[in-house]
Amino acid sequence: MAVIRPTTHRVLDMLTVVGFAVAPFILRLSGPAAWLAWVLAAVHLLMTLATAFPGGAPGPVQFRVHGWVELLIGIVLPVVPFVVGWNGAARWLYVVAGILILLVRLGSQFRVRGAAAGAA
């Protein structure tokens, strides 16, 4: 059952951007682990700004497409630290972030009833 409305999803997306942007400083990450966090912050920001959220400004990315991208990221991100051999804070960051992104995606309302249905 989808319990997260599109407006709440947008706020959570922005919090995700901030989280990825500051994580390298808080967790004292460096090198590729830090750069990946900053790239993810930038990509998530651009995707969120480009998404046509129901009831919001039009954008080139449909909300459902946004959701599919988040599903993919939520599945792949927790695997990354194991593939590249990261331990400690880097491993925890990407495993937890991936799980949280996946949970938000799975809990989000992508089908909107009423006038905004065409935008979803």
PDB file of N, CA and C in Angstrom:
ATOM      1  N   MET A   1       0.841  -1.177   0.000  1.00  0.00           N
ATOM      2  CA  MET A   1       0.000   0.000   0.000  1.00  0.00           C
ATOM      3  C   MET A   1       0.888   1.243   0.000  1.00  0.00           C
ATOM      4  N   ALA A   2       0.642   2.131  -0.922  1.00  0.00           N
ATOM      5  CA  ALA A   2       1.423   3.359  -1.045  1.00  0.00           C
ATOM      6  C   ALA A   2       0.951   4.385  -0.021  1.00  0.00           C
ATOM      7  N   VAL A   3       1.844   4.779   0.850  1.00  0.00           N
ATOM      8  CA  VAL A   3       1.484   5.721   1.906  1.00  0.00           C
ATOM      9  C   VAL A   3       2.202   7.066   1.765  1.00  0.00           C
ATOM     10  N   ILE A   4       3.208   7.135   0.914  1.00  0.00           N
ATOM     11  CA  ILE A   4       3.968   8.368   0.735  1.00  0.00           C
ATOM     12  C   ILE A   4       3.422   9.107  -0.491  1.00  0.00           C
ATOM     13  N   ARG A   5       2.862  10.281  -0.242  1.00  0.00           N
ATOM     14  CA  ARG A   5       2.305  11.090  -1.328  1.00  0.00           C
ATOM     15  C   ARG A   5       3.436  11.732  -2.135  1.00  0.00           C
ATOM     16  N   PRO A   6       3.134  12.108  -3.392  1.00  0.00           N
ATOM     17  CA  PRO A   6       4.168  12.726  -4.237  1.00  0.00           C
ATOM     18  C   PRO A   6       4.827  13.958  -3.619  1.00  0.00           C
ATOM     19  N   THR A   7       4.065  14.793  -2.922  1.00  0.00           N
ATOM     20  CA  THR A   7       4.674  15.982  -2.307  1.00  0.00           C
ATOM     21  C   THR A   7       5.660  15.591  -1.204  1.00  0.00           C
ATOM     22  N   THR A   8       5.321  14.574  -0.439  1.00  0.00           N
ATOM     23  CA  THR A   8       6.231  14.085   0.593  1.00  0.00           C
ATOM     24  C   THR A   8       7.444  13.423  -0.047  1.00  0.00           C
ATOM     25  N   HIS A   9       7.223  12.708  -1.133  1.00  0.00           N
ATOM     26  CA  HIS A   9       8.310  12.056  -1.858  1.00  0.00           C
ATOM     27  C   HIS A   9       9.328  13.100  -2.314  1.00  0.00           C
ATOM     28  N   ARG A  10       8.847  14.223  -2.813  1.00  0.00           N
ATOM     29  CA  ARG A  10       9.744  15.289  -3.280  1.00  0.00           C
ATOM     30  C   ARG A  10      10.599  15.811  -2.117  1.00  0.00           C
ATOM     31  N   VAL A  11       9.990  15.995  -0.956  1.00  0.00           N
ATOM     32  CA  VAL A  11      10.737  16.454   0.220  1.00  0.00           C
ATOM     33  C   VAL A  11      11.790  15.415   0.610  1.00  0.00           C
ATOM     34  N   LEU A  12      11.405  14.145   0.600  1.00  0.00           N
ATOM     35  CA  LEU A  12      12.361  13.080   0.928  1.00  0.00           C
ATOM     36  C   LEU A  12      13.500  13.029  -0.089  1.00  0.00           C
ATOM     37  N   ASP A  13      13.194  13.301  -1.353  1.00  0.00           N
ATOM     38  CA  ASP A  13      14.243  13.366  -2.377  1.00  0.00           C
ATOM     39  C   ASP A  13      15.251  14.462  -2.061  1.00  0.00           C
ATOM     40  N   MET A  14      14.761  15.616  -1.648  1.00  0.00           N
ATOM     41  CA  MET A  14      15.664  16.724  -1.323  1.00  0.00           C
ATOM     42  C   MET A  14      16.502  16.400  -0.084  1.00  0.00           C
ATOM     43  N   LEU A  15      15.912  15.711   0.879  1.00  0.00           N
ATOM     44  CA  LEU A  15      16.682  15.277   2.046  1.00  0.00           C
ATOM     45  C   LEU A  15      17.759  14.267   1.640  1.00  0.00           C
ATOM     46  N   THR A  16      17.447  13.436   0.660  1.00  0.00           N
ATOM     47  CA  THR A  16      18.426  12.483   0.137  1.00  0.00           C
ATOM     48  C   THR A  16      19.593  13.219  -0.504  1.00  0.00           C
ATOM     49  N   VAL A  17      19.290  14.266  -1.248  1.00  0.00           N
ATOM     50  CA  VAL A  17      20.340  15.087  -1.872  1.00  0.00           C
ATOM     51  C   VAL A  17      21.267  15.645  -0.797  1.00  0.00           C
ATOM     52  N   VAL A  18      20.681  16.233   0.232  1.00  0.00           N
ATOM     53  CA  VAL A  18      21.482  16.801   1.323  1.00  0.00           C
ATOM     54  C   VAL A  18      22.293  15.703   2.015  1.00  0.00           C
ATOM     55  N   GLY A  19      21.663  14.566   2.248  1.00  0.00           N
ATOM     56  CA  GLY A  19      22.359  13.457   2.897  1.00  0.00           C
ATOM     57  C   GLY A  19      23.581  13.005   2.123  1.00  0.00           C
ATOM     58  N   PHE A  20      23.425  12.811   0.823  1.00  0.00           N
ATOM     59  CA  PHE A  20      24.567  12.402   0.005  1.00  0.00           C
ATOM     60  C   PHE A  20      25.632  13.494  -0.051  1.00  0.00           C
ATOM     61  N   ALA A  21      25.224  14.750  -0.087  1.00  0.00           N
ATOM     62  CA  ALA A  21      26.177  15.855  -0.191  1.00  0.00           C
ATOM     63  C   ALA A  21      27.036  16.003   1.059  1.00  0.00           C
ATOM     64  N   VAL A  22      26.457  15.784   2.230  1.00  0.00           N
ATOM     65  CA  VAL A  22      27.209  15.990   3.471  1.00  0.00           C
ATOM     66  C   VAL A  22      27.834  14.712   4.029  1.00  0.00           C
ATOM     67  N   ALA A  23      27.384  13.556   3.572  1.00  0.00           N
ATOM     68  CA  ALA A  23      27.878  12.283   4.111  1.00  0.00           C
ATOM     69  C   ALA A  23      29.401  12.149   4.069  1.00  0.00           C
ATOM     70  N   PRO A  24      30.066  12.525   2.978  1.00  0.00           N
ATOM     71  CA  PRO A  24      31.530  12.379   2.975  1.00  0.00           C
ATOM     72  C   PRO A  24      32.225  13.185   4.078  1.00  0.00           C
ATOM     73  N   PHE A  25      31.657  14.331   4.425  1.00  0.00           N
ATOM     74  CA  PHE A  25      32.252  15.152   5.481  1.00  0.00           C
ATOM     75  C   PHE A  25      31.987  14.539   6.856  1.00  0.00           C
ATOM     76  N   ILE A  26      30.753  14.132   7.082  1.00  0.00           N
ATOM     77  CA  ILE A  26      30.372  13.573   8.382  1.00  0.00           C
ATOM     78  C   ILE A  26      31.049  12.225   8.625  1.00  0.00           C
ATOM     79  N   LEU A  27      31.089  11.390   7.583  1.00  0.00           N
ATOM     80  CA  LEU A  27      31.658  10.046   7.718  1.00  0.00           C
ATOM     81  C   LEU A  27      33.151   9.989   7.404  1.00  0.00           C
ATOM     82  N   ARG A  28      33.721  11.133   7.047  1.00  0.00           N
ATOM     83  CA  ARG A  28      35.144  11.238   6.710  1.00  0.00           C
ATOM     84  C   ARG A  28      35.541  10.293   5.572  1.00  0.00           C
ATOM     85  N   LEU A  29      34.711  10.318   4.536  1.00  0.00           N
ATOM     86  CA  LEU A  29      34.994   9.509   3.351  1.00  0.00           C
ATOM     87  C   LEU A  29      35.933  10.276   2.436  1.00  0.00           C
ATOM     88  N   SER A  30      36.695   9.540   1.647  1.00  0.00           N
ATOM     89  CA  SER A  30      37.563  10.172   0.658  1.00  0.00           C
ATOM     90  C   SER A  30      37.587   9.307  -0.590  1.00  0.00           C
ATOM     91  N   GLY A  31      38.231   9.806  -1.603  1.00  0.00           N
ATOM     92  CA  GLY A  31      38.390   9.054  -2.840  1.00  0.00           C
ATOM     93  C   GLY A  31      37.068   8.702  -3.494  1.00  0.00           C
ATOM     94  N   PRO A  32      37.013   7.553  -4.142  1.00  0.00           N
ATOM     95  CA  PRO A  32      35.808   7.167  -4.885  1.00  0.00           C
ATOM     96  C   PRO A  32      34.540   7.092  -4.034  1.00  0.00           C
ATOM     97  N   ALA A  33      34.647   6.714  -2.778  1.00  0.00           N
ATOM     98  CA  ALA A  33      33.453   6.634  -1.926  1.00  0.00           C
ATOM     99  C   ALA A  33      32.845   8.015  -1.718  1.00  0.00           C
ATOM    100  N   ALA A  34      33.694   9.023  -1.556  1.00  0.00           N
ATOM    101  CA  ALA A  34      33.203  10.396  -1.404  1.00  0.00           C
ATOM    102  C   ALA A  34      32.658  10.918  -2.731  1.00  0.00           C
ATOM    103  N   TRP A  35      33.397  10.699  -3.792  1.00  0.00           N
ATOM    104  CA  TRP A  35      32.956  11.192  -5.100  1.00  0.00           C
ATOM    105  C   TRP A  35      31.631  10.579  -5.523  1.00  0.00           C
ATOM    106  N   LEU A  36      31.430   9.306  -5.240  1.00  0.00           N
ATOM    107  CA  LEU A  36      30.156   8.671  -5.585  1.00  0.00           C
ATOM    108  C   LEU A  36      29.008   9.352  -4.840  1.00  0.00           C
ATOM    109  N   ALA A  37      29.216   9.680  -3.575  1.00  0.00           N
ATOM    110  CA  ALA A  37      28.169  10.362  -2.806  1.00  0.00           C
ATOM    111  C   ALA A  37      27.836  11.720  -3.433  1.00  0.00           C
ATOM    112  N   TRP A  38      28.857  12.472  -3.829  1.00  0.00           N
ATOM    113  CA  TRP A  38      28.606  13.789  -4.420  1.00  0.00           C
ATOM    114  C   TRP A  38      27.939  13.665  -5.791  1.00  0.00           C
ATOM    115  N   VAL A  39      28.337  12.674  -6.564  1.00  0.00           N
ATOM    116  CA  VAL A  39      27.694  12.450  -7.869  1.00  0.00           C
ATOM    117  C   VAL A  39      26.229  12.057  -7.659  1.00  0.00           C
ATOM    118  N   LEU A  40      25.980  11.183  -6.697  1.00  0.00           N
ATOM    119  CA  LEU A  40      24.595  10.788  -6.417  1.00  0.00           C
ATOM    120  C   LEU A  40      23.768  11.976  -5.939  1.00  0.00           C
ATOM    121  N   ALA A  41      24.355  12.862  -5.152  1.00  0.00           N
ATOM    122  CA  ALA A  41      23.641  14.070  -4.710  1.00  0.00           C
ATOM    123  C   ALA A  41      23.255  14.920  -5.917  1.00  0.00           C
ATOM    124  N   ALA A  42      24.191  15.122  -6.823  1.00  0.00           N
ATOM    125  CA  ALA A  42      23.928  15.946  -8.012  1.00  0.00           C
ATOM    126  C   ALA A  42      22.887  15.299  -8.924  1.00  0.00           C
ATOM    127  N   VAL A  43      23.032  14.008  -9.170  1.00  0.00           N
ATOM    128  CA  VAL A  43      22.094  13.301 -10.040  1.00  0.00           C
ATOM    129  C   VAL A  43      20.700  13.277  -9.422  1.00  0.00           C
ATOM    130  N   HIS A  44      20.629  13.037  -8.122  1.00  0.00           N
ATOM    131  CA  HIS A  44      19.322  12.999  -7.453  1.00  0.00           C
ATOM    132  C   HIS A  44      18.667  14.379  -7.474  1.00  0.00           C
ATOM    133  N   LEU A  45      19.466  15.431  -7.316  1.00  0.00           N
ATOM    134  CA  LEU A  45      18.935  16.788  -7.389  1.00  0.00           C
ATOM    135  C   LEU A  45      18.395  17.076  -8.785  1.00  0.00           C
ATOM    136  N   LEU A  46      19.181  16.770  -9.807  1.00  0.00           N
ATOM    137  CA  LEU A  46      18.736  17.017 -11.183  1.00  0.00           C
ATOM    138  C   LEU A  46      17.484  16.216 -11.525  1.00  0.00           C
ATOM    139  N   MET A  47      17.454  14.962 -11.102  1.00  0.00           N
ATOM    140  CA  MET A  47      16.291  14.115 -11.379  1.00  0.00           C
ATOM    141  C   MET A  47      15.049  14.671 -10.680  1.00  0.00           C
ATOM    142  N   THR A  48      15.205  15.096  -9.438  1.00  0.00           N
ATOM    143  CA  THR A  48      14.075  15.631  -8.688  1.00  0.00           C
ATOM    144  C   THR A  48      13.573  16.927  -9.315  1.00  0.00           C
ATOM    145  N   LEU A  49      14.485  17.808  -9.704  1.00  0.00           N
ATOM    146  CA  LEU A  49      14.081  19.073 -10.325  1.00  0.00           C
ATOM    147  C   LEU A  49      13.445  18.864 -11.698  1.00  0.00           C
ATOM    148  N   ALA A  50      13.836  17.796 -12.398  1.00  0.00           N
ATOM    149  CA  ALA A  50      13.311  17.532 -13.739  1.00  0.00           C
ATOM    150  C   ALA A  50      12.018  16.716 -13.720  1.00  0.00           C
ATOM    151  N   THR A  51      11.625  16.216 -12.570  1.00  0.00           N
ATOM    152  CA  THR A  51      10.454  15.346 -12.484  1.00  0.00           C
ATOM    153  C   THR A  51       9.164  16.150 -12.435  1.00  0.00           C
ATOM    154  N   ALA A  52       8.181  15.687 -13.197  1.00  0.00           N
ATOM    155  CA  ALA A  52       6.840  16.270 -13.192  1.00  0.00           C
ATOM    156  C   ALA A  52       6.048  15.605 -12.069  1.00  0.00           C
ATOM    157  N   PHE A  53       6.207  16.136 -10.863  1.00  0.00           N
ATOM    158  CA  PHE A  53       5.451  15.600  -9.735  1.00  0.00           C
ATOM    159  C   PHE A  53       3.982  15.976  -9.889  1.00  0.00           C
ATOM    160  N   PRO A  54       3.059  15.081  -9.591  1.00  0.00           N
ATOM    161  CA  PRO A  54       1.633  15.406  -9.661  1.00  0.00           C
ATOM    162  C   PRO A  54       1.316  16.629  -8.805  1.00  0.00           C
ATOM    163  N   GLY A  55       0.609  17.565  -9.399  1.00  0.00           N
ATOM    164  CA  GLY A  55       0.248  18.788  -8.695  1.00  0.00           C
ATOM    165  C   GLY A  55       1.360  19.819  -8.669  1.00  0.00           C
ATOM    166  N   GLY A  56       2.485  19.528  -9.299  1.00  0.00           N
ATOM    167  CA  GLY A  56       3.625  20.447  -9.315  1.00  0.00           C
ATOM    168  C   GLY A  56       3.896  20.960 -10.716  1.00  0.00           C
ATOM    169  N   ALA A  57       5.031  21.591 -10.869  1.00  0.00           N
ATOM    170  CA  ALA A  57       5.427  22.132 -12.166  1.00  0.00           C
ATOM    171  C   ALA A  57       5.699  20.992 -13.151  1.00  0.00           C
ATOM    172  N   PRO A  58       5.412  21.228 -14.416  1.00  0.00           N
ATOM    173  CA  PRO A  58       5.705  20.196 -15.418  1.00  0.00           C
ATOM    174  C   PRO A  58       7.215  20.012 -15.569  1.00  0.00           C
ATOM    175  N   GLY A  59       7.583  18.830 -15.960  1.00  0.00           N
ATOM    176  CA  GLY A  59       8.995  18.536 -16.172  1.00  0.00           C
ATOM    177  C   GLY A  59       9.136  17.442 -17.209  1.00  0.00           C
ATOM    178  N   PRO A  60      10.335  17.269 -17.740  1.00  0.00           N
ATOM    179  CA  PRO A  60      10.536  16.270 -18.795  1.00  0.00           C
ATOM    180  C   PRO A  60      10.513  14.825 -18.307  1.00  0.00           C
ATOM    181  N   VAL A  61      10.667  14.598 -16.997  1.00  0.00           N
ATOM    182  CA  VAL A  61      10.695  13.232 -16.461  1.00  0.00           C
ATOM    183  C   VAL A  61       9.359  12.942 -15.788  1.00  0.00           C
ATOM    184  N   GLN A  62       8.677  11.911 -16.253  1.00  0.00           N
ATOM    185  CA  GLN A  62       7.418  11.508 -15.632  1.00  0.00           C
ATOM    186  C   GLN A  62       7.703  10.946 -14.236  1.00  0.00           C
ATOM    187  N   PHE A  63       6.758  11.135 -13.333  1.00  0.00           N
ATOM    188  CA  PHE A  63       6.913  10.671 -11.964  1.00  0.00           C
ATOM    189  C   PHE A  63       7.126   9.158 -11.922  1.00  0.00           C
ATOM    190  N   ARG A  64       6.436   8.424 -12.777  1.00  0.00           N
ATOM    191  CA  ARG A  64       6.618   6.960 -12.808  1.00  0.00           C
ATOM    192  C   ARG A  64       8.027   6.583 -13.237  1.00  0.00           C
ATOM    193  N   VAL A  65       8.591   7.315 -14.202  1.00  0.00           N
ATOM    194  CA  VAL A  65       9.965   7.051 -14.641  1.00  0.00           C
ATOM    195  C   VAL A  65      10.933   7.334 -13.489  1.00  0.00           C
ATOM    196  N   HIS A  66      10.693   8.424 -12.783  1.00  0.00           N
ATOM    197  CA  HIS A  66      11.472   8.767 -11.593  1.00  0.00           C
ATOM    198  C   HIS A  66      11.456   7.582 -10.614  1.00  0.00           C
ATOM    199  N   GLY A  67      10.283   7.004 -10.431  1.00  0.00           N
ATOM    200  CA  GLY A  67      10.139   5.861  -9.534  1.00  0.00           C
ATOM    201  C   GLY A  67      10.911   4.638 -10.000  1.00  0.00           C
ATOM    202  N   TRP A  68      10.915   4.378 -11.301  1.00  0.00           N
ATOM    203  CA  TRP A  68      11.660   3.231 -11.823  1.00  0.00           C
ATOM    204  C   TRP A  68      13.162   3.427 -11.641  1.00  0.00           C
ATOM    205  N   VAL A  69      13.635   4.658 -11.826  1.00  0.00           N
ATOM    206  CA  VAL A  69      15.056   4.943 -11.614  1.00  0.00           C
ATOM    207  C   VAL A  69      15.409   4.712 -10.145  1.00  0.00           C
ATOM    208  N   GLU A  70      14.555   5.174  -9.240  1.00  0.00           N
ATOM    209  CA  GLU A  70      14.811   4.962  -7.817  1.00  0.00           C
ATOM    210  C   GLU A  70      14.785   3.480  -7.450  1.00  0.00           C
ATOM    211  N   LEU A  71      13.917   2.721  -8.078  1.00  0.00           N
ATOM    212  CA  LEU A  71      13.881   1.282  -7.831  1.00  0.00           C
ATOM    213  C   LEU A  71      15.219   0.655  -8.226  1.00  0.00           C
ATOM    214  N   LEU A  72      15.718   1.017  -9.384  1.00  0.00           N
ATOM    215  CA  LEU A  72      17.001   0.496  -9.854  1.00  0.00           C
ATOM    216  C   LEU A  72      18.132   0.901  -8.908  1.00  0.00           C
ATOM    217  N   ILE A  73      18.165   2.177  -8.520  1.00  0.00           N
ATOM    218  CA  ILE A  73      19.201   2.657  -7.608  1.00  0.00           C
ATOM    219  C   ILE A  73      19.102   1.944  -6.259  1.00  0.00           C
ATOM    220  N   GLY A  74      17.880   1.775  -5.769  1.00  0.00           N
ATOM    221  CA  GLY A  74      17.682   1.116  -4.483  1.00  0.00           C
ATOM    222  C   GLY A  74      18.148  -0.326  -4.474  1.00  0.00           C
ATOM    223  N   ILE A  75      18.099  -0.964  -5.621  1.00  0.00           N
ATOM    224  CA  ILE A  75      18.568  -2.356  -5.734  1.00  0.00           C
ATOM    225  C   ILE A  75      20.080  -2.414  -5.913  1.00  0.00           C
ATOM    226  N   VAL A  76      20.622  -1.532  -6.743  1.00  0.00           N
ATOM    227  CA  VAL A  76      22.047  -1.582  -7.084  1.00  0.00           C
ATOM    228  C   VAL A  76      22.938  -0.990  -5.988  1.00  0.00           C
ATOM    229  N   LEU A  77      22.519   0.101  -5.377  1.00  0.00           N
ATOM    230  CA  LEU A  77      23.387   0.824  -4.440  1.00  0.00           C
ATOM    231  C   LEU A  77      23.903  -0.028  -3.279  1.00  0.00           C
ATOM    232  N   PRO A  78      23.082  -0.861  -2.650  1.00  0.00           N
ATOM    233  CA  PRO A  78      23.626  -1.675  -1.547  1.00  0.00           C
ATOM    234  C   PRO A  78      24.656  -2.710  -1.986  1.00  0.00           C
ATOM    235  N   VAL A  79      24.679  -3.031  -3.264  1.00  0.00           N
ATOM    236  CA  VAL A  79      25.614  -4.025  -3.773  1.00  0.00           C
ATOM    237  C   VAL A  79      26.989  -3.406  -4.063  1.00  0.00           C
ATOM    238  N   VAL A  80      27.007  -2.119  -4.385  1.00  0.00           N
ATOM    239  CA  VAL A  80      28.236  -1.436  -4.803  1.00  0.00           C
ATOM    240  C   VAL A  80      29.402  -1.626  -3.833  1.00  0.00           C
ATOM    241  N   PRO A  81      29.233  -1.383  -2.533  1.00  0.00           N
ATOM    242  CA  PRO A  81      30.406  -1.505  -1.661  1.00  0.00           C
ATOM    243  C   PRO A  81      30.980  -2.919  -1.597  1.00  0.00           C
ATOM    244  N   PHE A  82      30.162  -3.919  -1.820  1.00  0.00           N
ATOM    245  CA  PHE A  82      30.657  -5.297  -1.806  1.00  0.00           C
ATOM    246  C   PHE A  82      31.424  -5.609  -3.092  1.00  0.00           C
ATOM    247  N   VAL A  83      30.962  -5.041  -4.203  1.00  0.00           N
ATOM    248  CA  VAL A  83      31.630  -5.268  -5.485  1.00  0.00           C
ATOM    249  C   VAL A  83      32.994  -4.585  -5.521  1.00  0.00           C
ATOM    250  N   VAL A  84      33.054  -3.349  -4.995  1.00  0.00           N
ATOM    251  CA  VAL A  84      34.324  -2.611  -5.042  1.00  0.00           C
ATOM    252  C   VAL A  84      35.189  -2.807  -3.808  1.00  0.00           C
ATOM    253  N   GLY A  85      34.676  -3.515  -2.805  1.00  0.00           N
ATOM    254  CA  GLY A  85      35.475  -3.838  -1.638  1.00  0.00           C
ATOM    255  C   GLY A  85      35.544  -2.773  -0.558  1.00  0.00           C
ATOM    256  N   TRP A  86      34.535  -1.919  -0.460  1.00  0.00           N
ATOM    257  CA  TRP A  86      34.527  -0.902   0.594  1.00  0.00           C
ATOM    258  C   TRP A  86      34.056  -1.509   1.905  1.00  0.00           C
ATOM    259  N   ASN A  87      34.671  -1.067   2.986  1.00  0.00           N
ATOM    260  CA  ASN A  87      34.292  -1.493   4.330  1.00  0.00           C
ATOM    261  C   ASN A  87      33.943  -0.271   5.162  1.00  0.00           C
ATOM    262  N   GLY A  88      33.583  -0.497   6.398  1.00  0.00           N
ATOM    263  CA  GLY A  88      33.364   0.586   7.340  1.00  0.00           C
ATOM    264  C   GLY A  88      32.238   1.528   6.935  1.00  0.00           C
ATOM    265  N   ALA A  89      32.503   2.822   7.119  1.00  0.00           N
ATOM    266  CA  ALA A  89      31.488   3.847   6.898  1.00  0.00           C
ATOM    267  C   ALA A  89      30.986   3.871   5.455  1.00  0.00           C
ATOM    268  N   ALA A  90      31.869   3.674   4.503  1.00  0.00           N
ATOM    269  CA  ALA A  90      31.450   3.683   3.094  1.00  0.00           C
ATOM    270  C   ALA A  90      30.462   2.563   2.818  1.00  0.00           C
ATOM    271  N   ARG A  91      30.756   1.379   3.337  1.00  0.00           N
ATOM    272  CA  ARG A  91      29.838   0.256   3.128  1.00  0.00           C
ATOM    273  C   ARG A  91      28.483   0.557   3.752  1.00  0.00           C
ATOM    274  N   TRP A  92      28.495   1.027   4.994  1.00  0.00           N
ATOM    275  CA  TRP A  92      27.235   1.319   5.675  1.00  0.00           C
ATOM    276  C   TRP A  92      26.445   2.411   4.970  1.00  0.00           C
ATOM    277  N   LEU A  93      27.129   3.446   4.518  1.00  0.00           N
ATOM    278  CA  LEU A  93      26.438   4.538   3.828  1.00  0.00           C
ATOM    279  C   LEU A  93      25.650   4.016   2.637  1.00  0.00           C
ATOM    280  N   TYR A  94      26.297   3.273   1.772  1.00  0.00           N
ATOM    281  CA  TYR A  94      25.638   2.854   0.541  1.00  0.00           C
ATOM    282  C   TYR A  94      24.613   1.740   0.754  1.00  0.00           C
ATOM    283  N   VAL A  95      24.846   0.880   1.712  1.00  0.00           N
ATOM    284  CA  VAL A  95      23.842  -0.148   2.014  1.00  0.00           C
ATOM    285  C   VAL A  95      22.594   0.499   2.601  1.00  0.00           C
ATOM    286  N   VAL A  96      22.775   1.352   3.602  1.00  0.00           N
ATOM    287  CA  VAL A  96      21.629   2.000   4.250  1.00  0.00           C
ATOM    288  C   VAL A  96      20.917   2.944   3.289  1.00  0.00           C
ATOM    289  N   ALA A  97      21.669   3.735   2.528  1.00  0.00           N
ATOM    290  CA  ALA A  97      21.051   4.663   1.565  1.00  0.00           C
ATOM    291  C   ALA A  97      20.239   3.901   0.528  1.00  0.00           C
ATOM    292  N   GLY A  98      20.783   2.823   0.015  1.00  0.00           N
ATOM    293  CA  GLY A  98      20.050   2.035  -0.975  1.00  0.00           C
ATOM    294  C   GLY A  98      18.760   1.467  -0.412  1.00  0.00           C
ATOM    295  N   ILE A  99      18.831   0.957   0.808  1.00  0.00           N
ATOM    296  CA  ILE A  99      17.633   0.398   1.437  1.00  0.00           C
ATOM    297  C   ILE A  99      16.592   1.492   1.674  1.00  0.00           C
ATOM    298  N   LEU A 100      17.030   2.652   2.151  1.00  0.00           N
ATOM    299  CA  LEU A 100      16.087   3.758   2.382  1.00  0.00           C
ATOM    300  C   LEU A 100      15.449   4.236   1.074  1.00  0.00           C
ATOM    301  N   ILE A 101      16.253   4.366   0.022  1.00  0.00           N
ATOM    302  CA  ILE A 101      15.712   4.776  -1.279  1.00  0.00           C
ATOM    303  C   ILE A 101      14.702   3.743  -1.763  1.00  0.00           C
ATOM    304  N   LEU A 102      15.009   2.485  -1.600  1.00  0.00           N
ATOM    305  CA  LEU A 102      14.100   1.417  -2.004  1.00  0.00           C
ATOM    306  C   LEU A 102      12.806   1.459  -1.194  1.00  0.00           C
ATOM    307  N   LEU A 103      12.911   1.669   0.096  1.00  0.00           N
ATOM    308  CA  LEU A 103      11.704   1.742   0.932  1.00  0.00           C
ATOM    309  C   LEU A 103      10.821   2.933   0.575  1.00  0.00           C
ATOM    310  N   VAL A 104      11.439   4.088   0.315  1.00  0.00           N
ATOM    311  CA  VAL A 104      10.659   5.261  -0.094  1.00  0.00           C
ATOM    312  C   VAL A 104       9.989   4.998  -1.432  1.00  0.00           C
ATOM    313  N   ARG A 105      10.721   4.394  -2.341  1.00  0.00           N
ATOM    314  CA  ARG A 105      10.149   4.091  -3.659  1.00  0.00           C
ATOM    315  C   ARG A 105       8.981   3.122  -3.530  1.00  0.00           C
ATOM    316  N   LEU A 106       9.152   2.071  -2.756  1.00  0.00           N
ATOM    317  CA  LEU A 106       8.098   1.074  -2.612  1.00  0.00           C
ATOM    318  C   LEU A 106       6.892   1.616  -1.844  1.00  0.00           C
ATOM    319  N   GLY A 107       7.121   2.601  -0.980  1.00  0.00           N
ATOM    320  CA  GLY A 107       6.031   3.177  -0.211  1.00  0.00           C
ATOM    321  C   GLY A 107       5.377   4.385  -0.845  1.00  0.00           C
ATOM    322  N   SER A 108       5.858   4.790  -2.010  1.00  0.00           N
ATOM    323  CA  SER A 108       5.333   6.002  -2.650  1.00  0.00           C
ATOM    324  C   SER A 108       4.114   5.743  -3.514  1.00  0.00           C
ATOM    325  N   GLN A 109       3.286   6.753  -3.566  1.00  0.00           N
ATOM    326  CA  GLN A 109       2.039   6.701  -4.336  1.00  0.00           C
ATOM    327  C   GLN A 109       2.324   7.233  -5.741  1.00  0.00           C
ATOM    328  N   PHE A 110       2.464   6.333  -6.702  1.00  0.00           N
ATOM    329  CA  PHE A 110       2.755   6.733  -8.073  1.00  0.00           C
ATOM    330  C   PHE A 110       1.508   6.838  -8.935  1.00  0.00           C
ATOM    331  N   ARG A 111       0.414   6.316  -8.475  1.00  0.00           N
ATOM    332  CA  ARG A 111      -0.860   6.442  -9.199  1.00  0.00           C
ATOM    333  C   ARG A 111      -1.715   7.429  -8.433  1.00  0.00           C
ATOM    334  N   VAL A 112      -2.053   8.530  -9.096  1.00  0.00           N
ATOM    335  CA  VAL A 112      -2.833   9.586  -8.446  1.00  0.00           C
ATOM    336  C   VAL A 112      -4.206   9.656  -9.067  1.00  0.00           C
ATOM    337  N   ARG A 113      -5.215   9.674  -8.214  1.00  0.00           N
ATOM    338  CA  ARG A 113      -6.602   9.761  -8.699  1.00  0.00           C
ATOM    339  C   ARG A 113      -6.957  11.211  -8.957  1.00  0.00           C
ATOM    340  N   GLY A 114      -7.962  11.401  -9.799  1.00  0.00           N
ATOM    341  CA  GLY A 114      -8.514  12.743  -9.998  1.00  0.00           C
ATOM    342  C   GLY A 114      -7.822  13.505 -11.110  1.00  0.00           C
ATOM    343  N   ALA A 115      -7.825  14.834 -10.984  1.00  0.00           N
ATOM    344  CA  ALA A 115      -7.338  15.719 -12.045  1.00  0.00           C
ATOM    345  C   ALA A 115      -5.853  15.528 -12.318  1.00  0.00           C
ATOM    346  N   ALA A 116      -5.086  15.166 -11.304  1.00  0.00           N
ATOM    347  CA  ALA A 116      -3.648  15.035 -11.476  1.00  0.00           C
ATOM    348  C   ALA A 116      -3.249  13.678 -12.046  1.00  0.00           C
ATOM    349  N   ALA A 117      -4.201  12.819 -12.303  1.00  0.00           N
ATOM    350  CA  ALA A 117      -3.871  11.458 -12.758  1.00  0.00           C
ATOM    351  C   ALA A 117      -3.085  11.452 -14.046  1.00  0.00           C
ATOM    352  N   GLY A 118      -3.318  12.379 -14.934  1.00  0.00           N
ATOM    353  CA  GLY A 118      -2.596  12.418 -16.193  1.00  0.00           C
ATOM    354  C   GLY A 118      -1.119  12.714 -15.997  1.00  0.00           C
ATOM    355  N   ALA A 119      -0.768  13.389 -14.912  1.00  0.00           N
ATOM    356  CA  ALA A 119       0.629  13.727 -14.649  1.00  0.00           C
ATOM    357  C   ALA A 119       1.376  12.579 -14.015  1.00  0.00           C
ATOM    358  N   ALA A 120       0.660  11.615 -13.441  1.00  0.00           N
ATOM    359  CA  ALA A 120       1.342  10.512 -12.753  1.00  0.00           C
ATOM    360  C   ALA A 120       1.626   9.452 -13.697  1.00  0.00           C
TER     361      ALA A 120
END
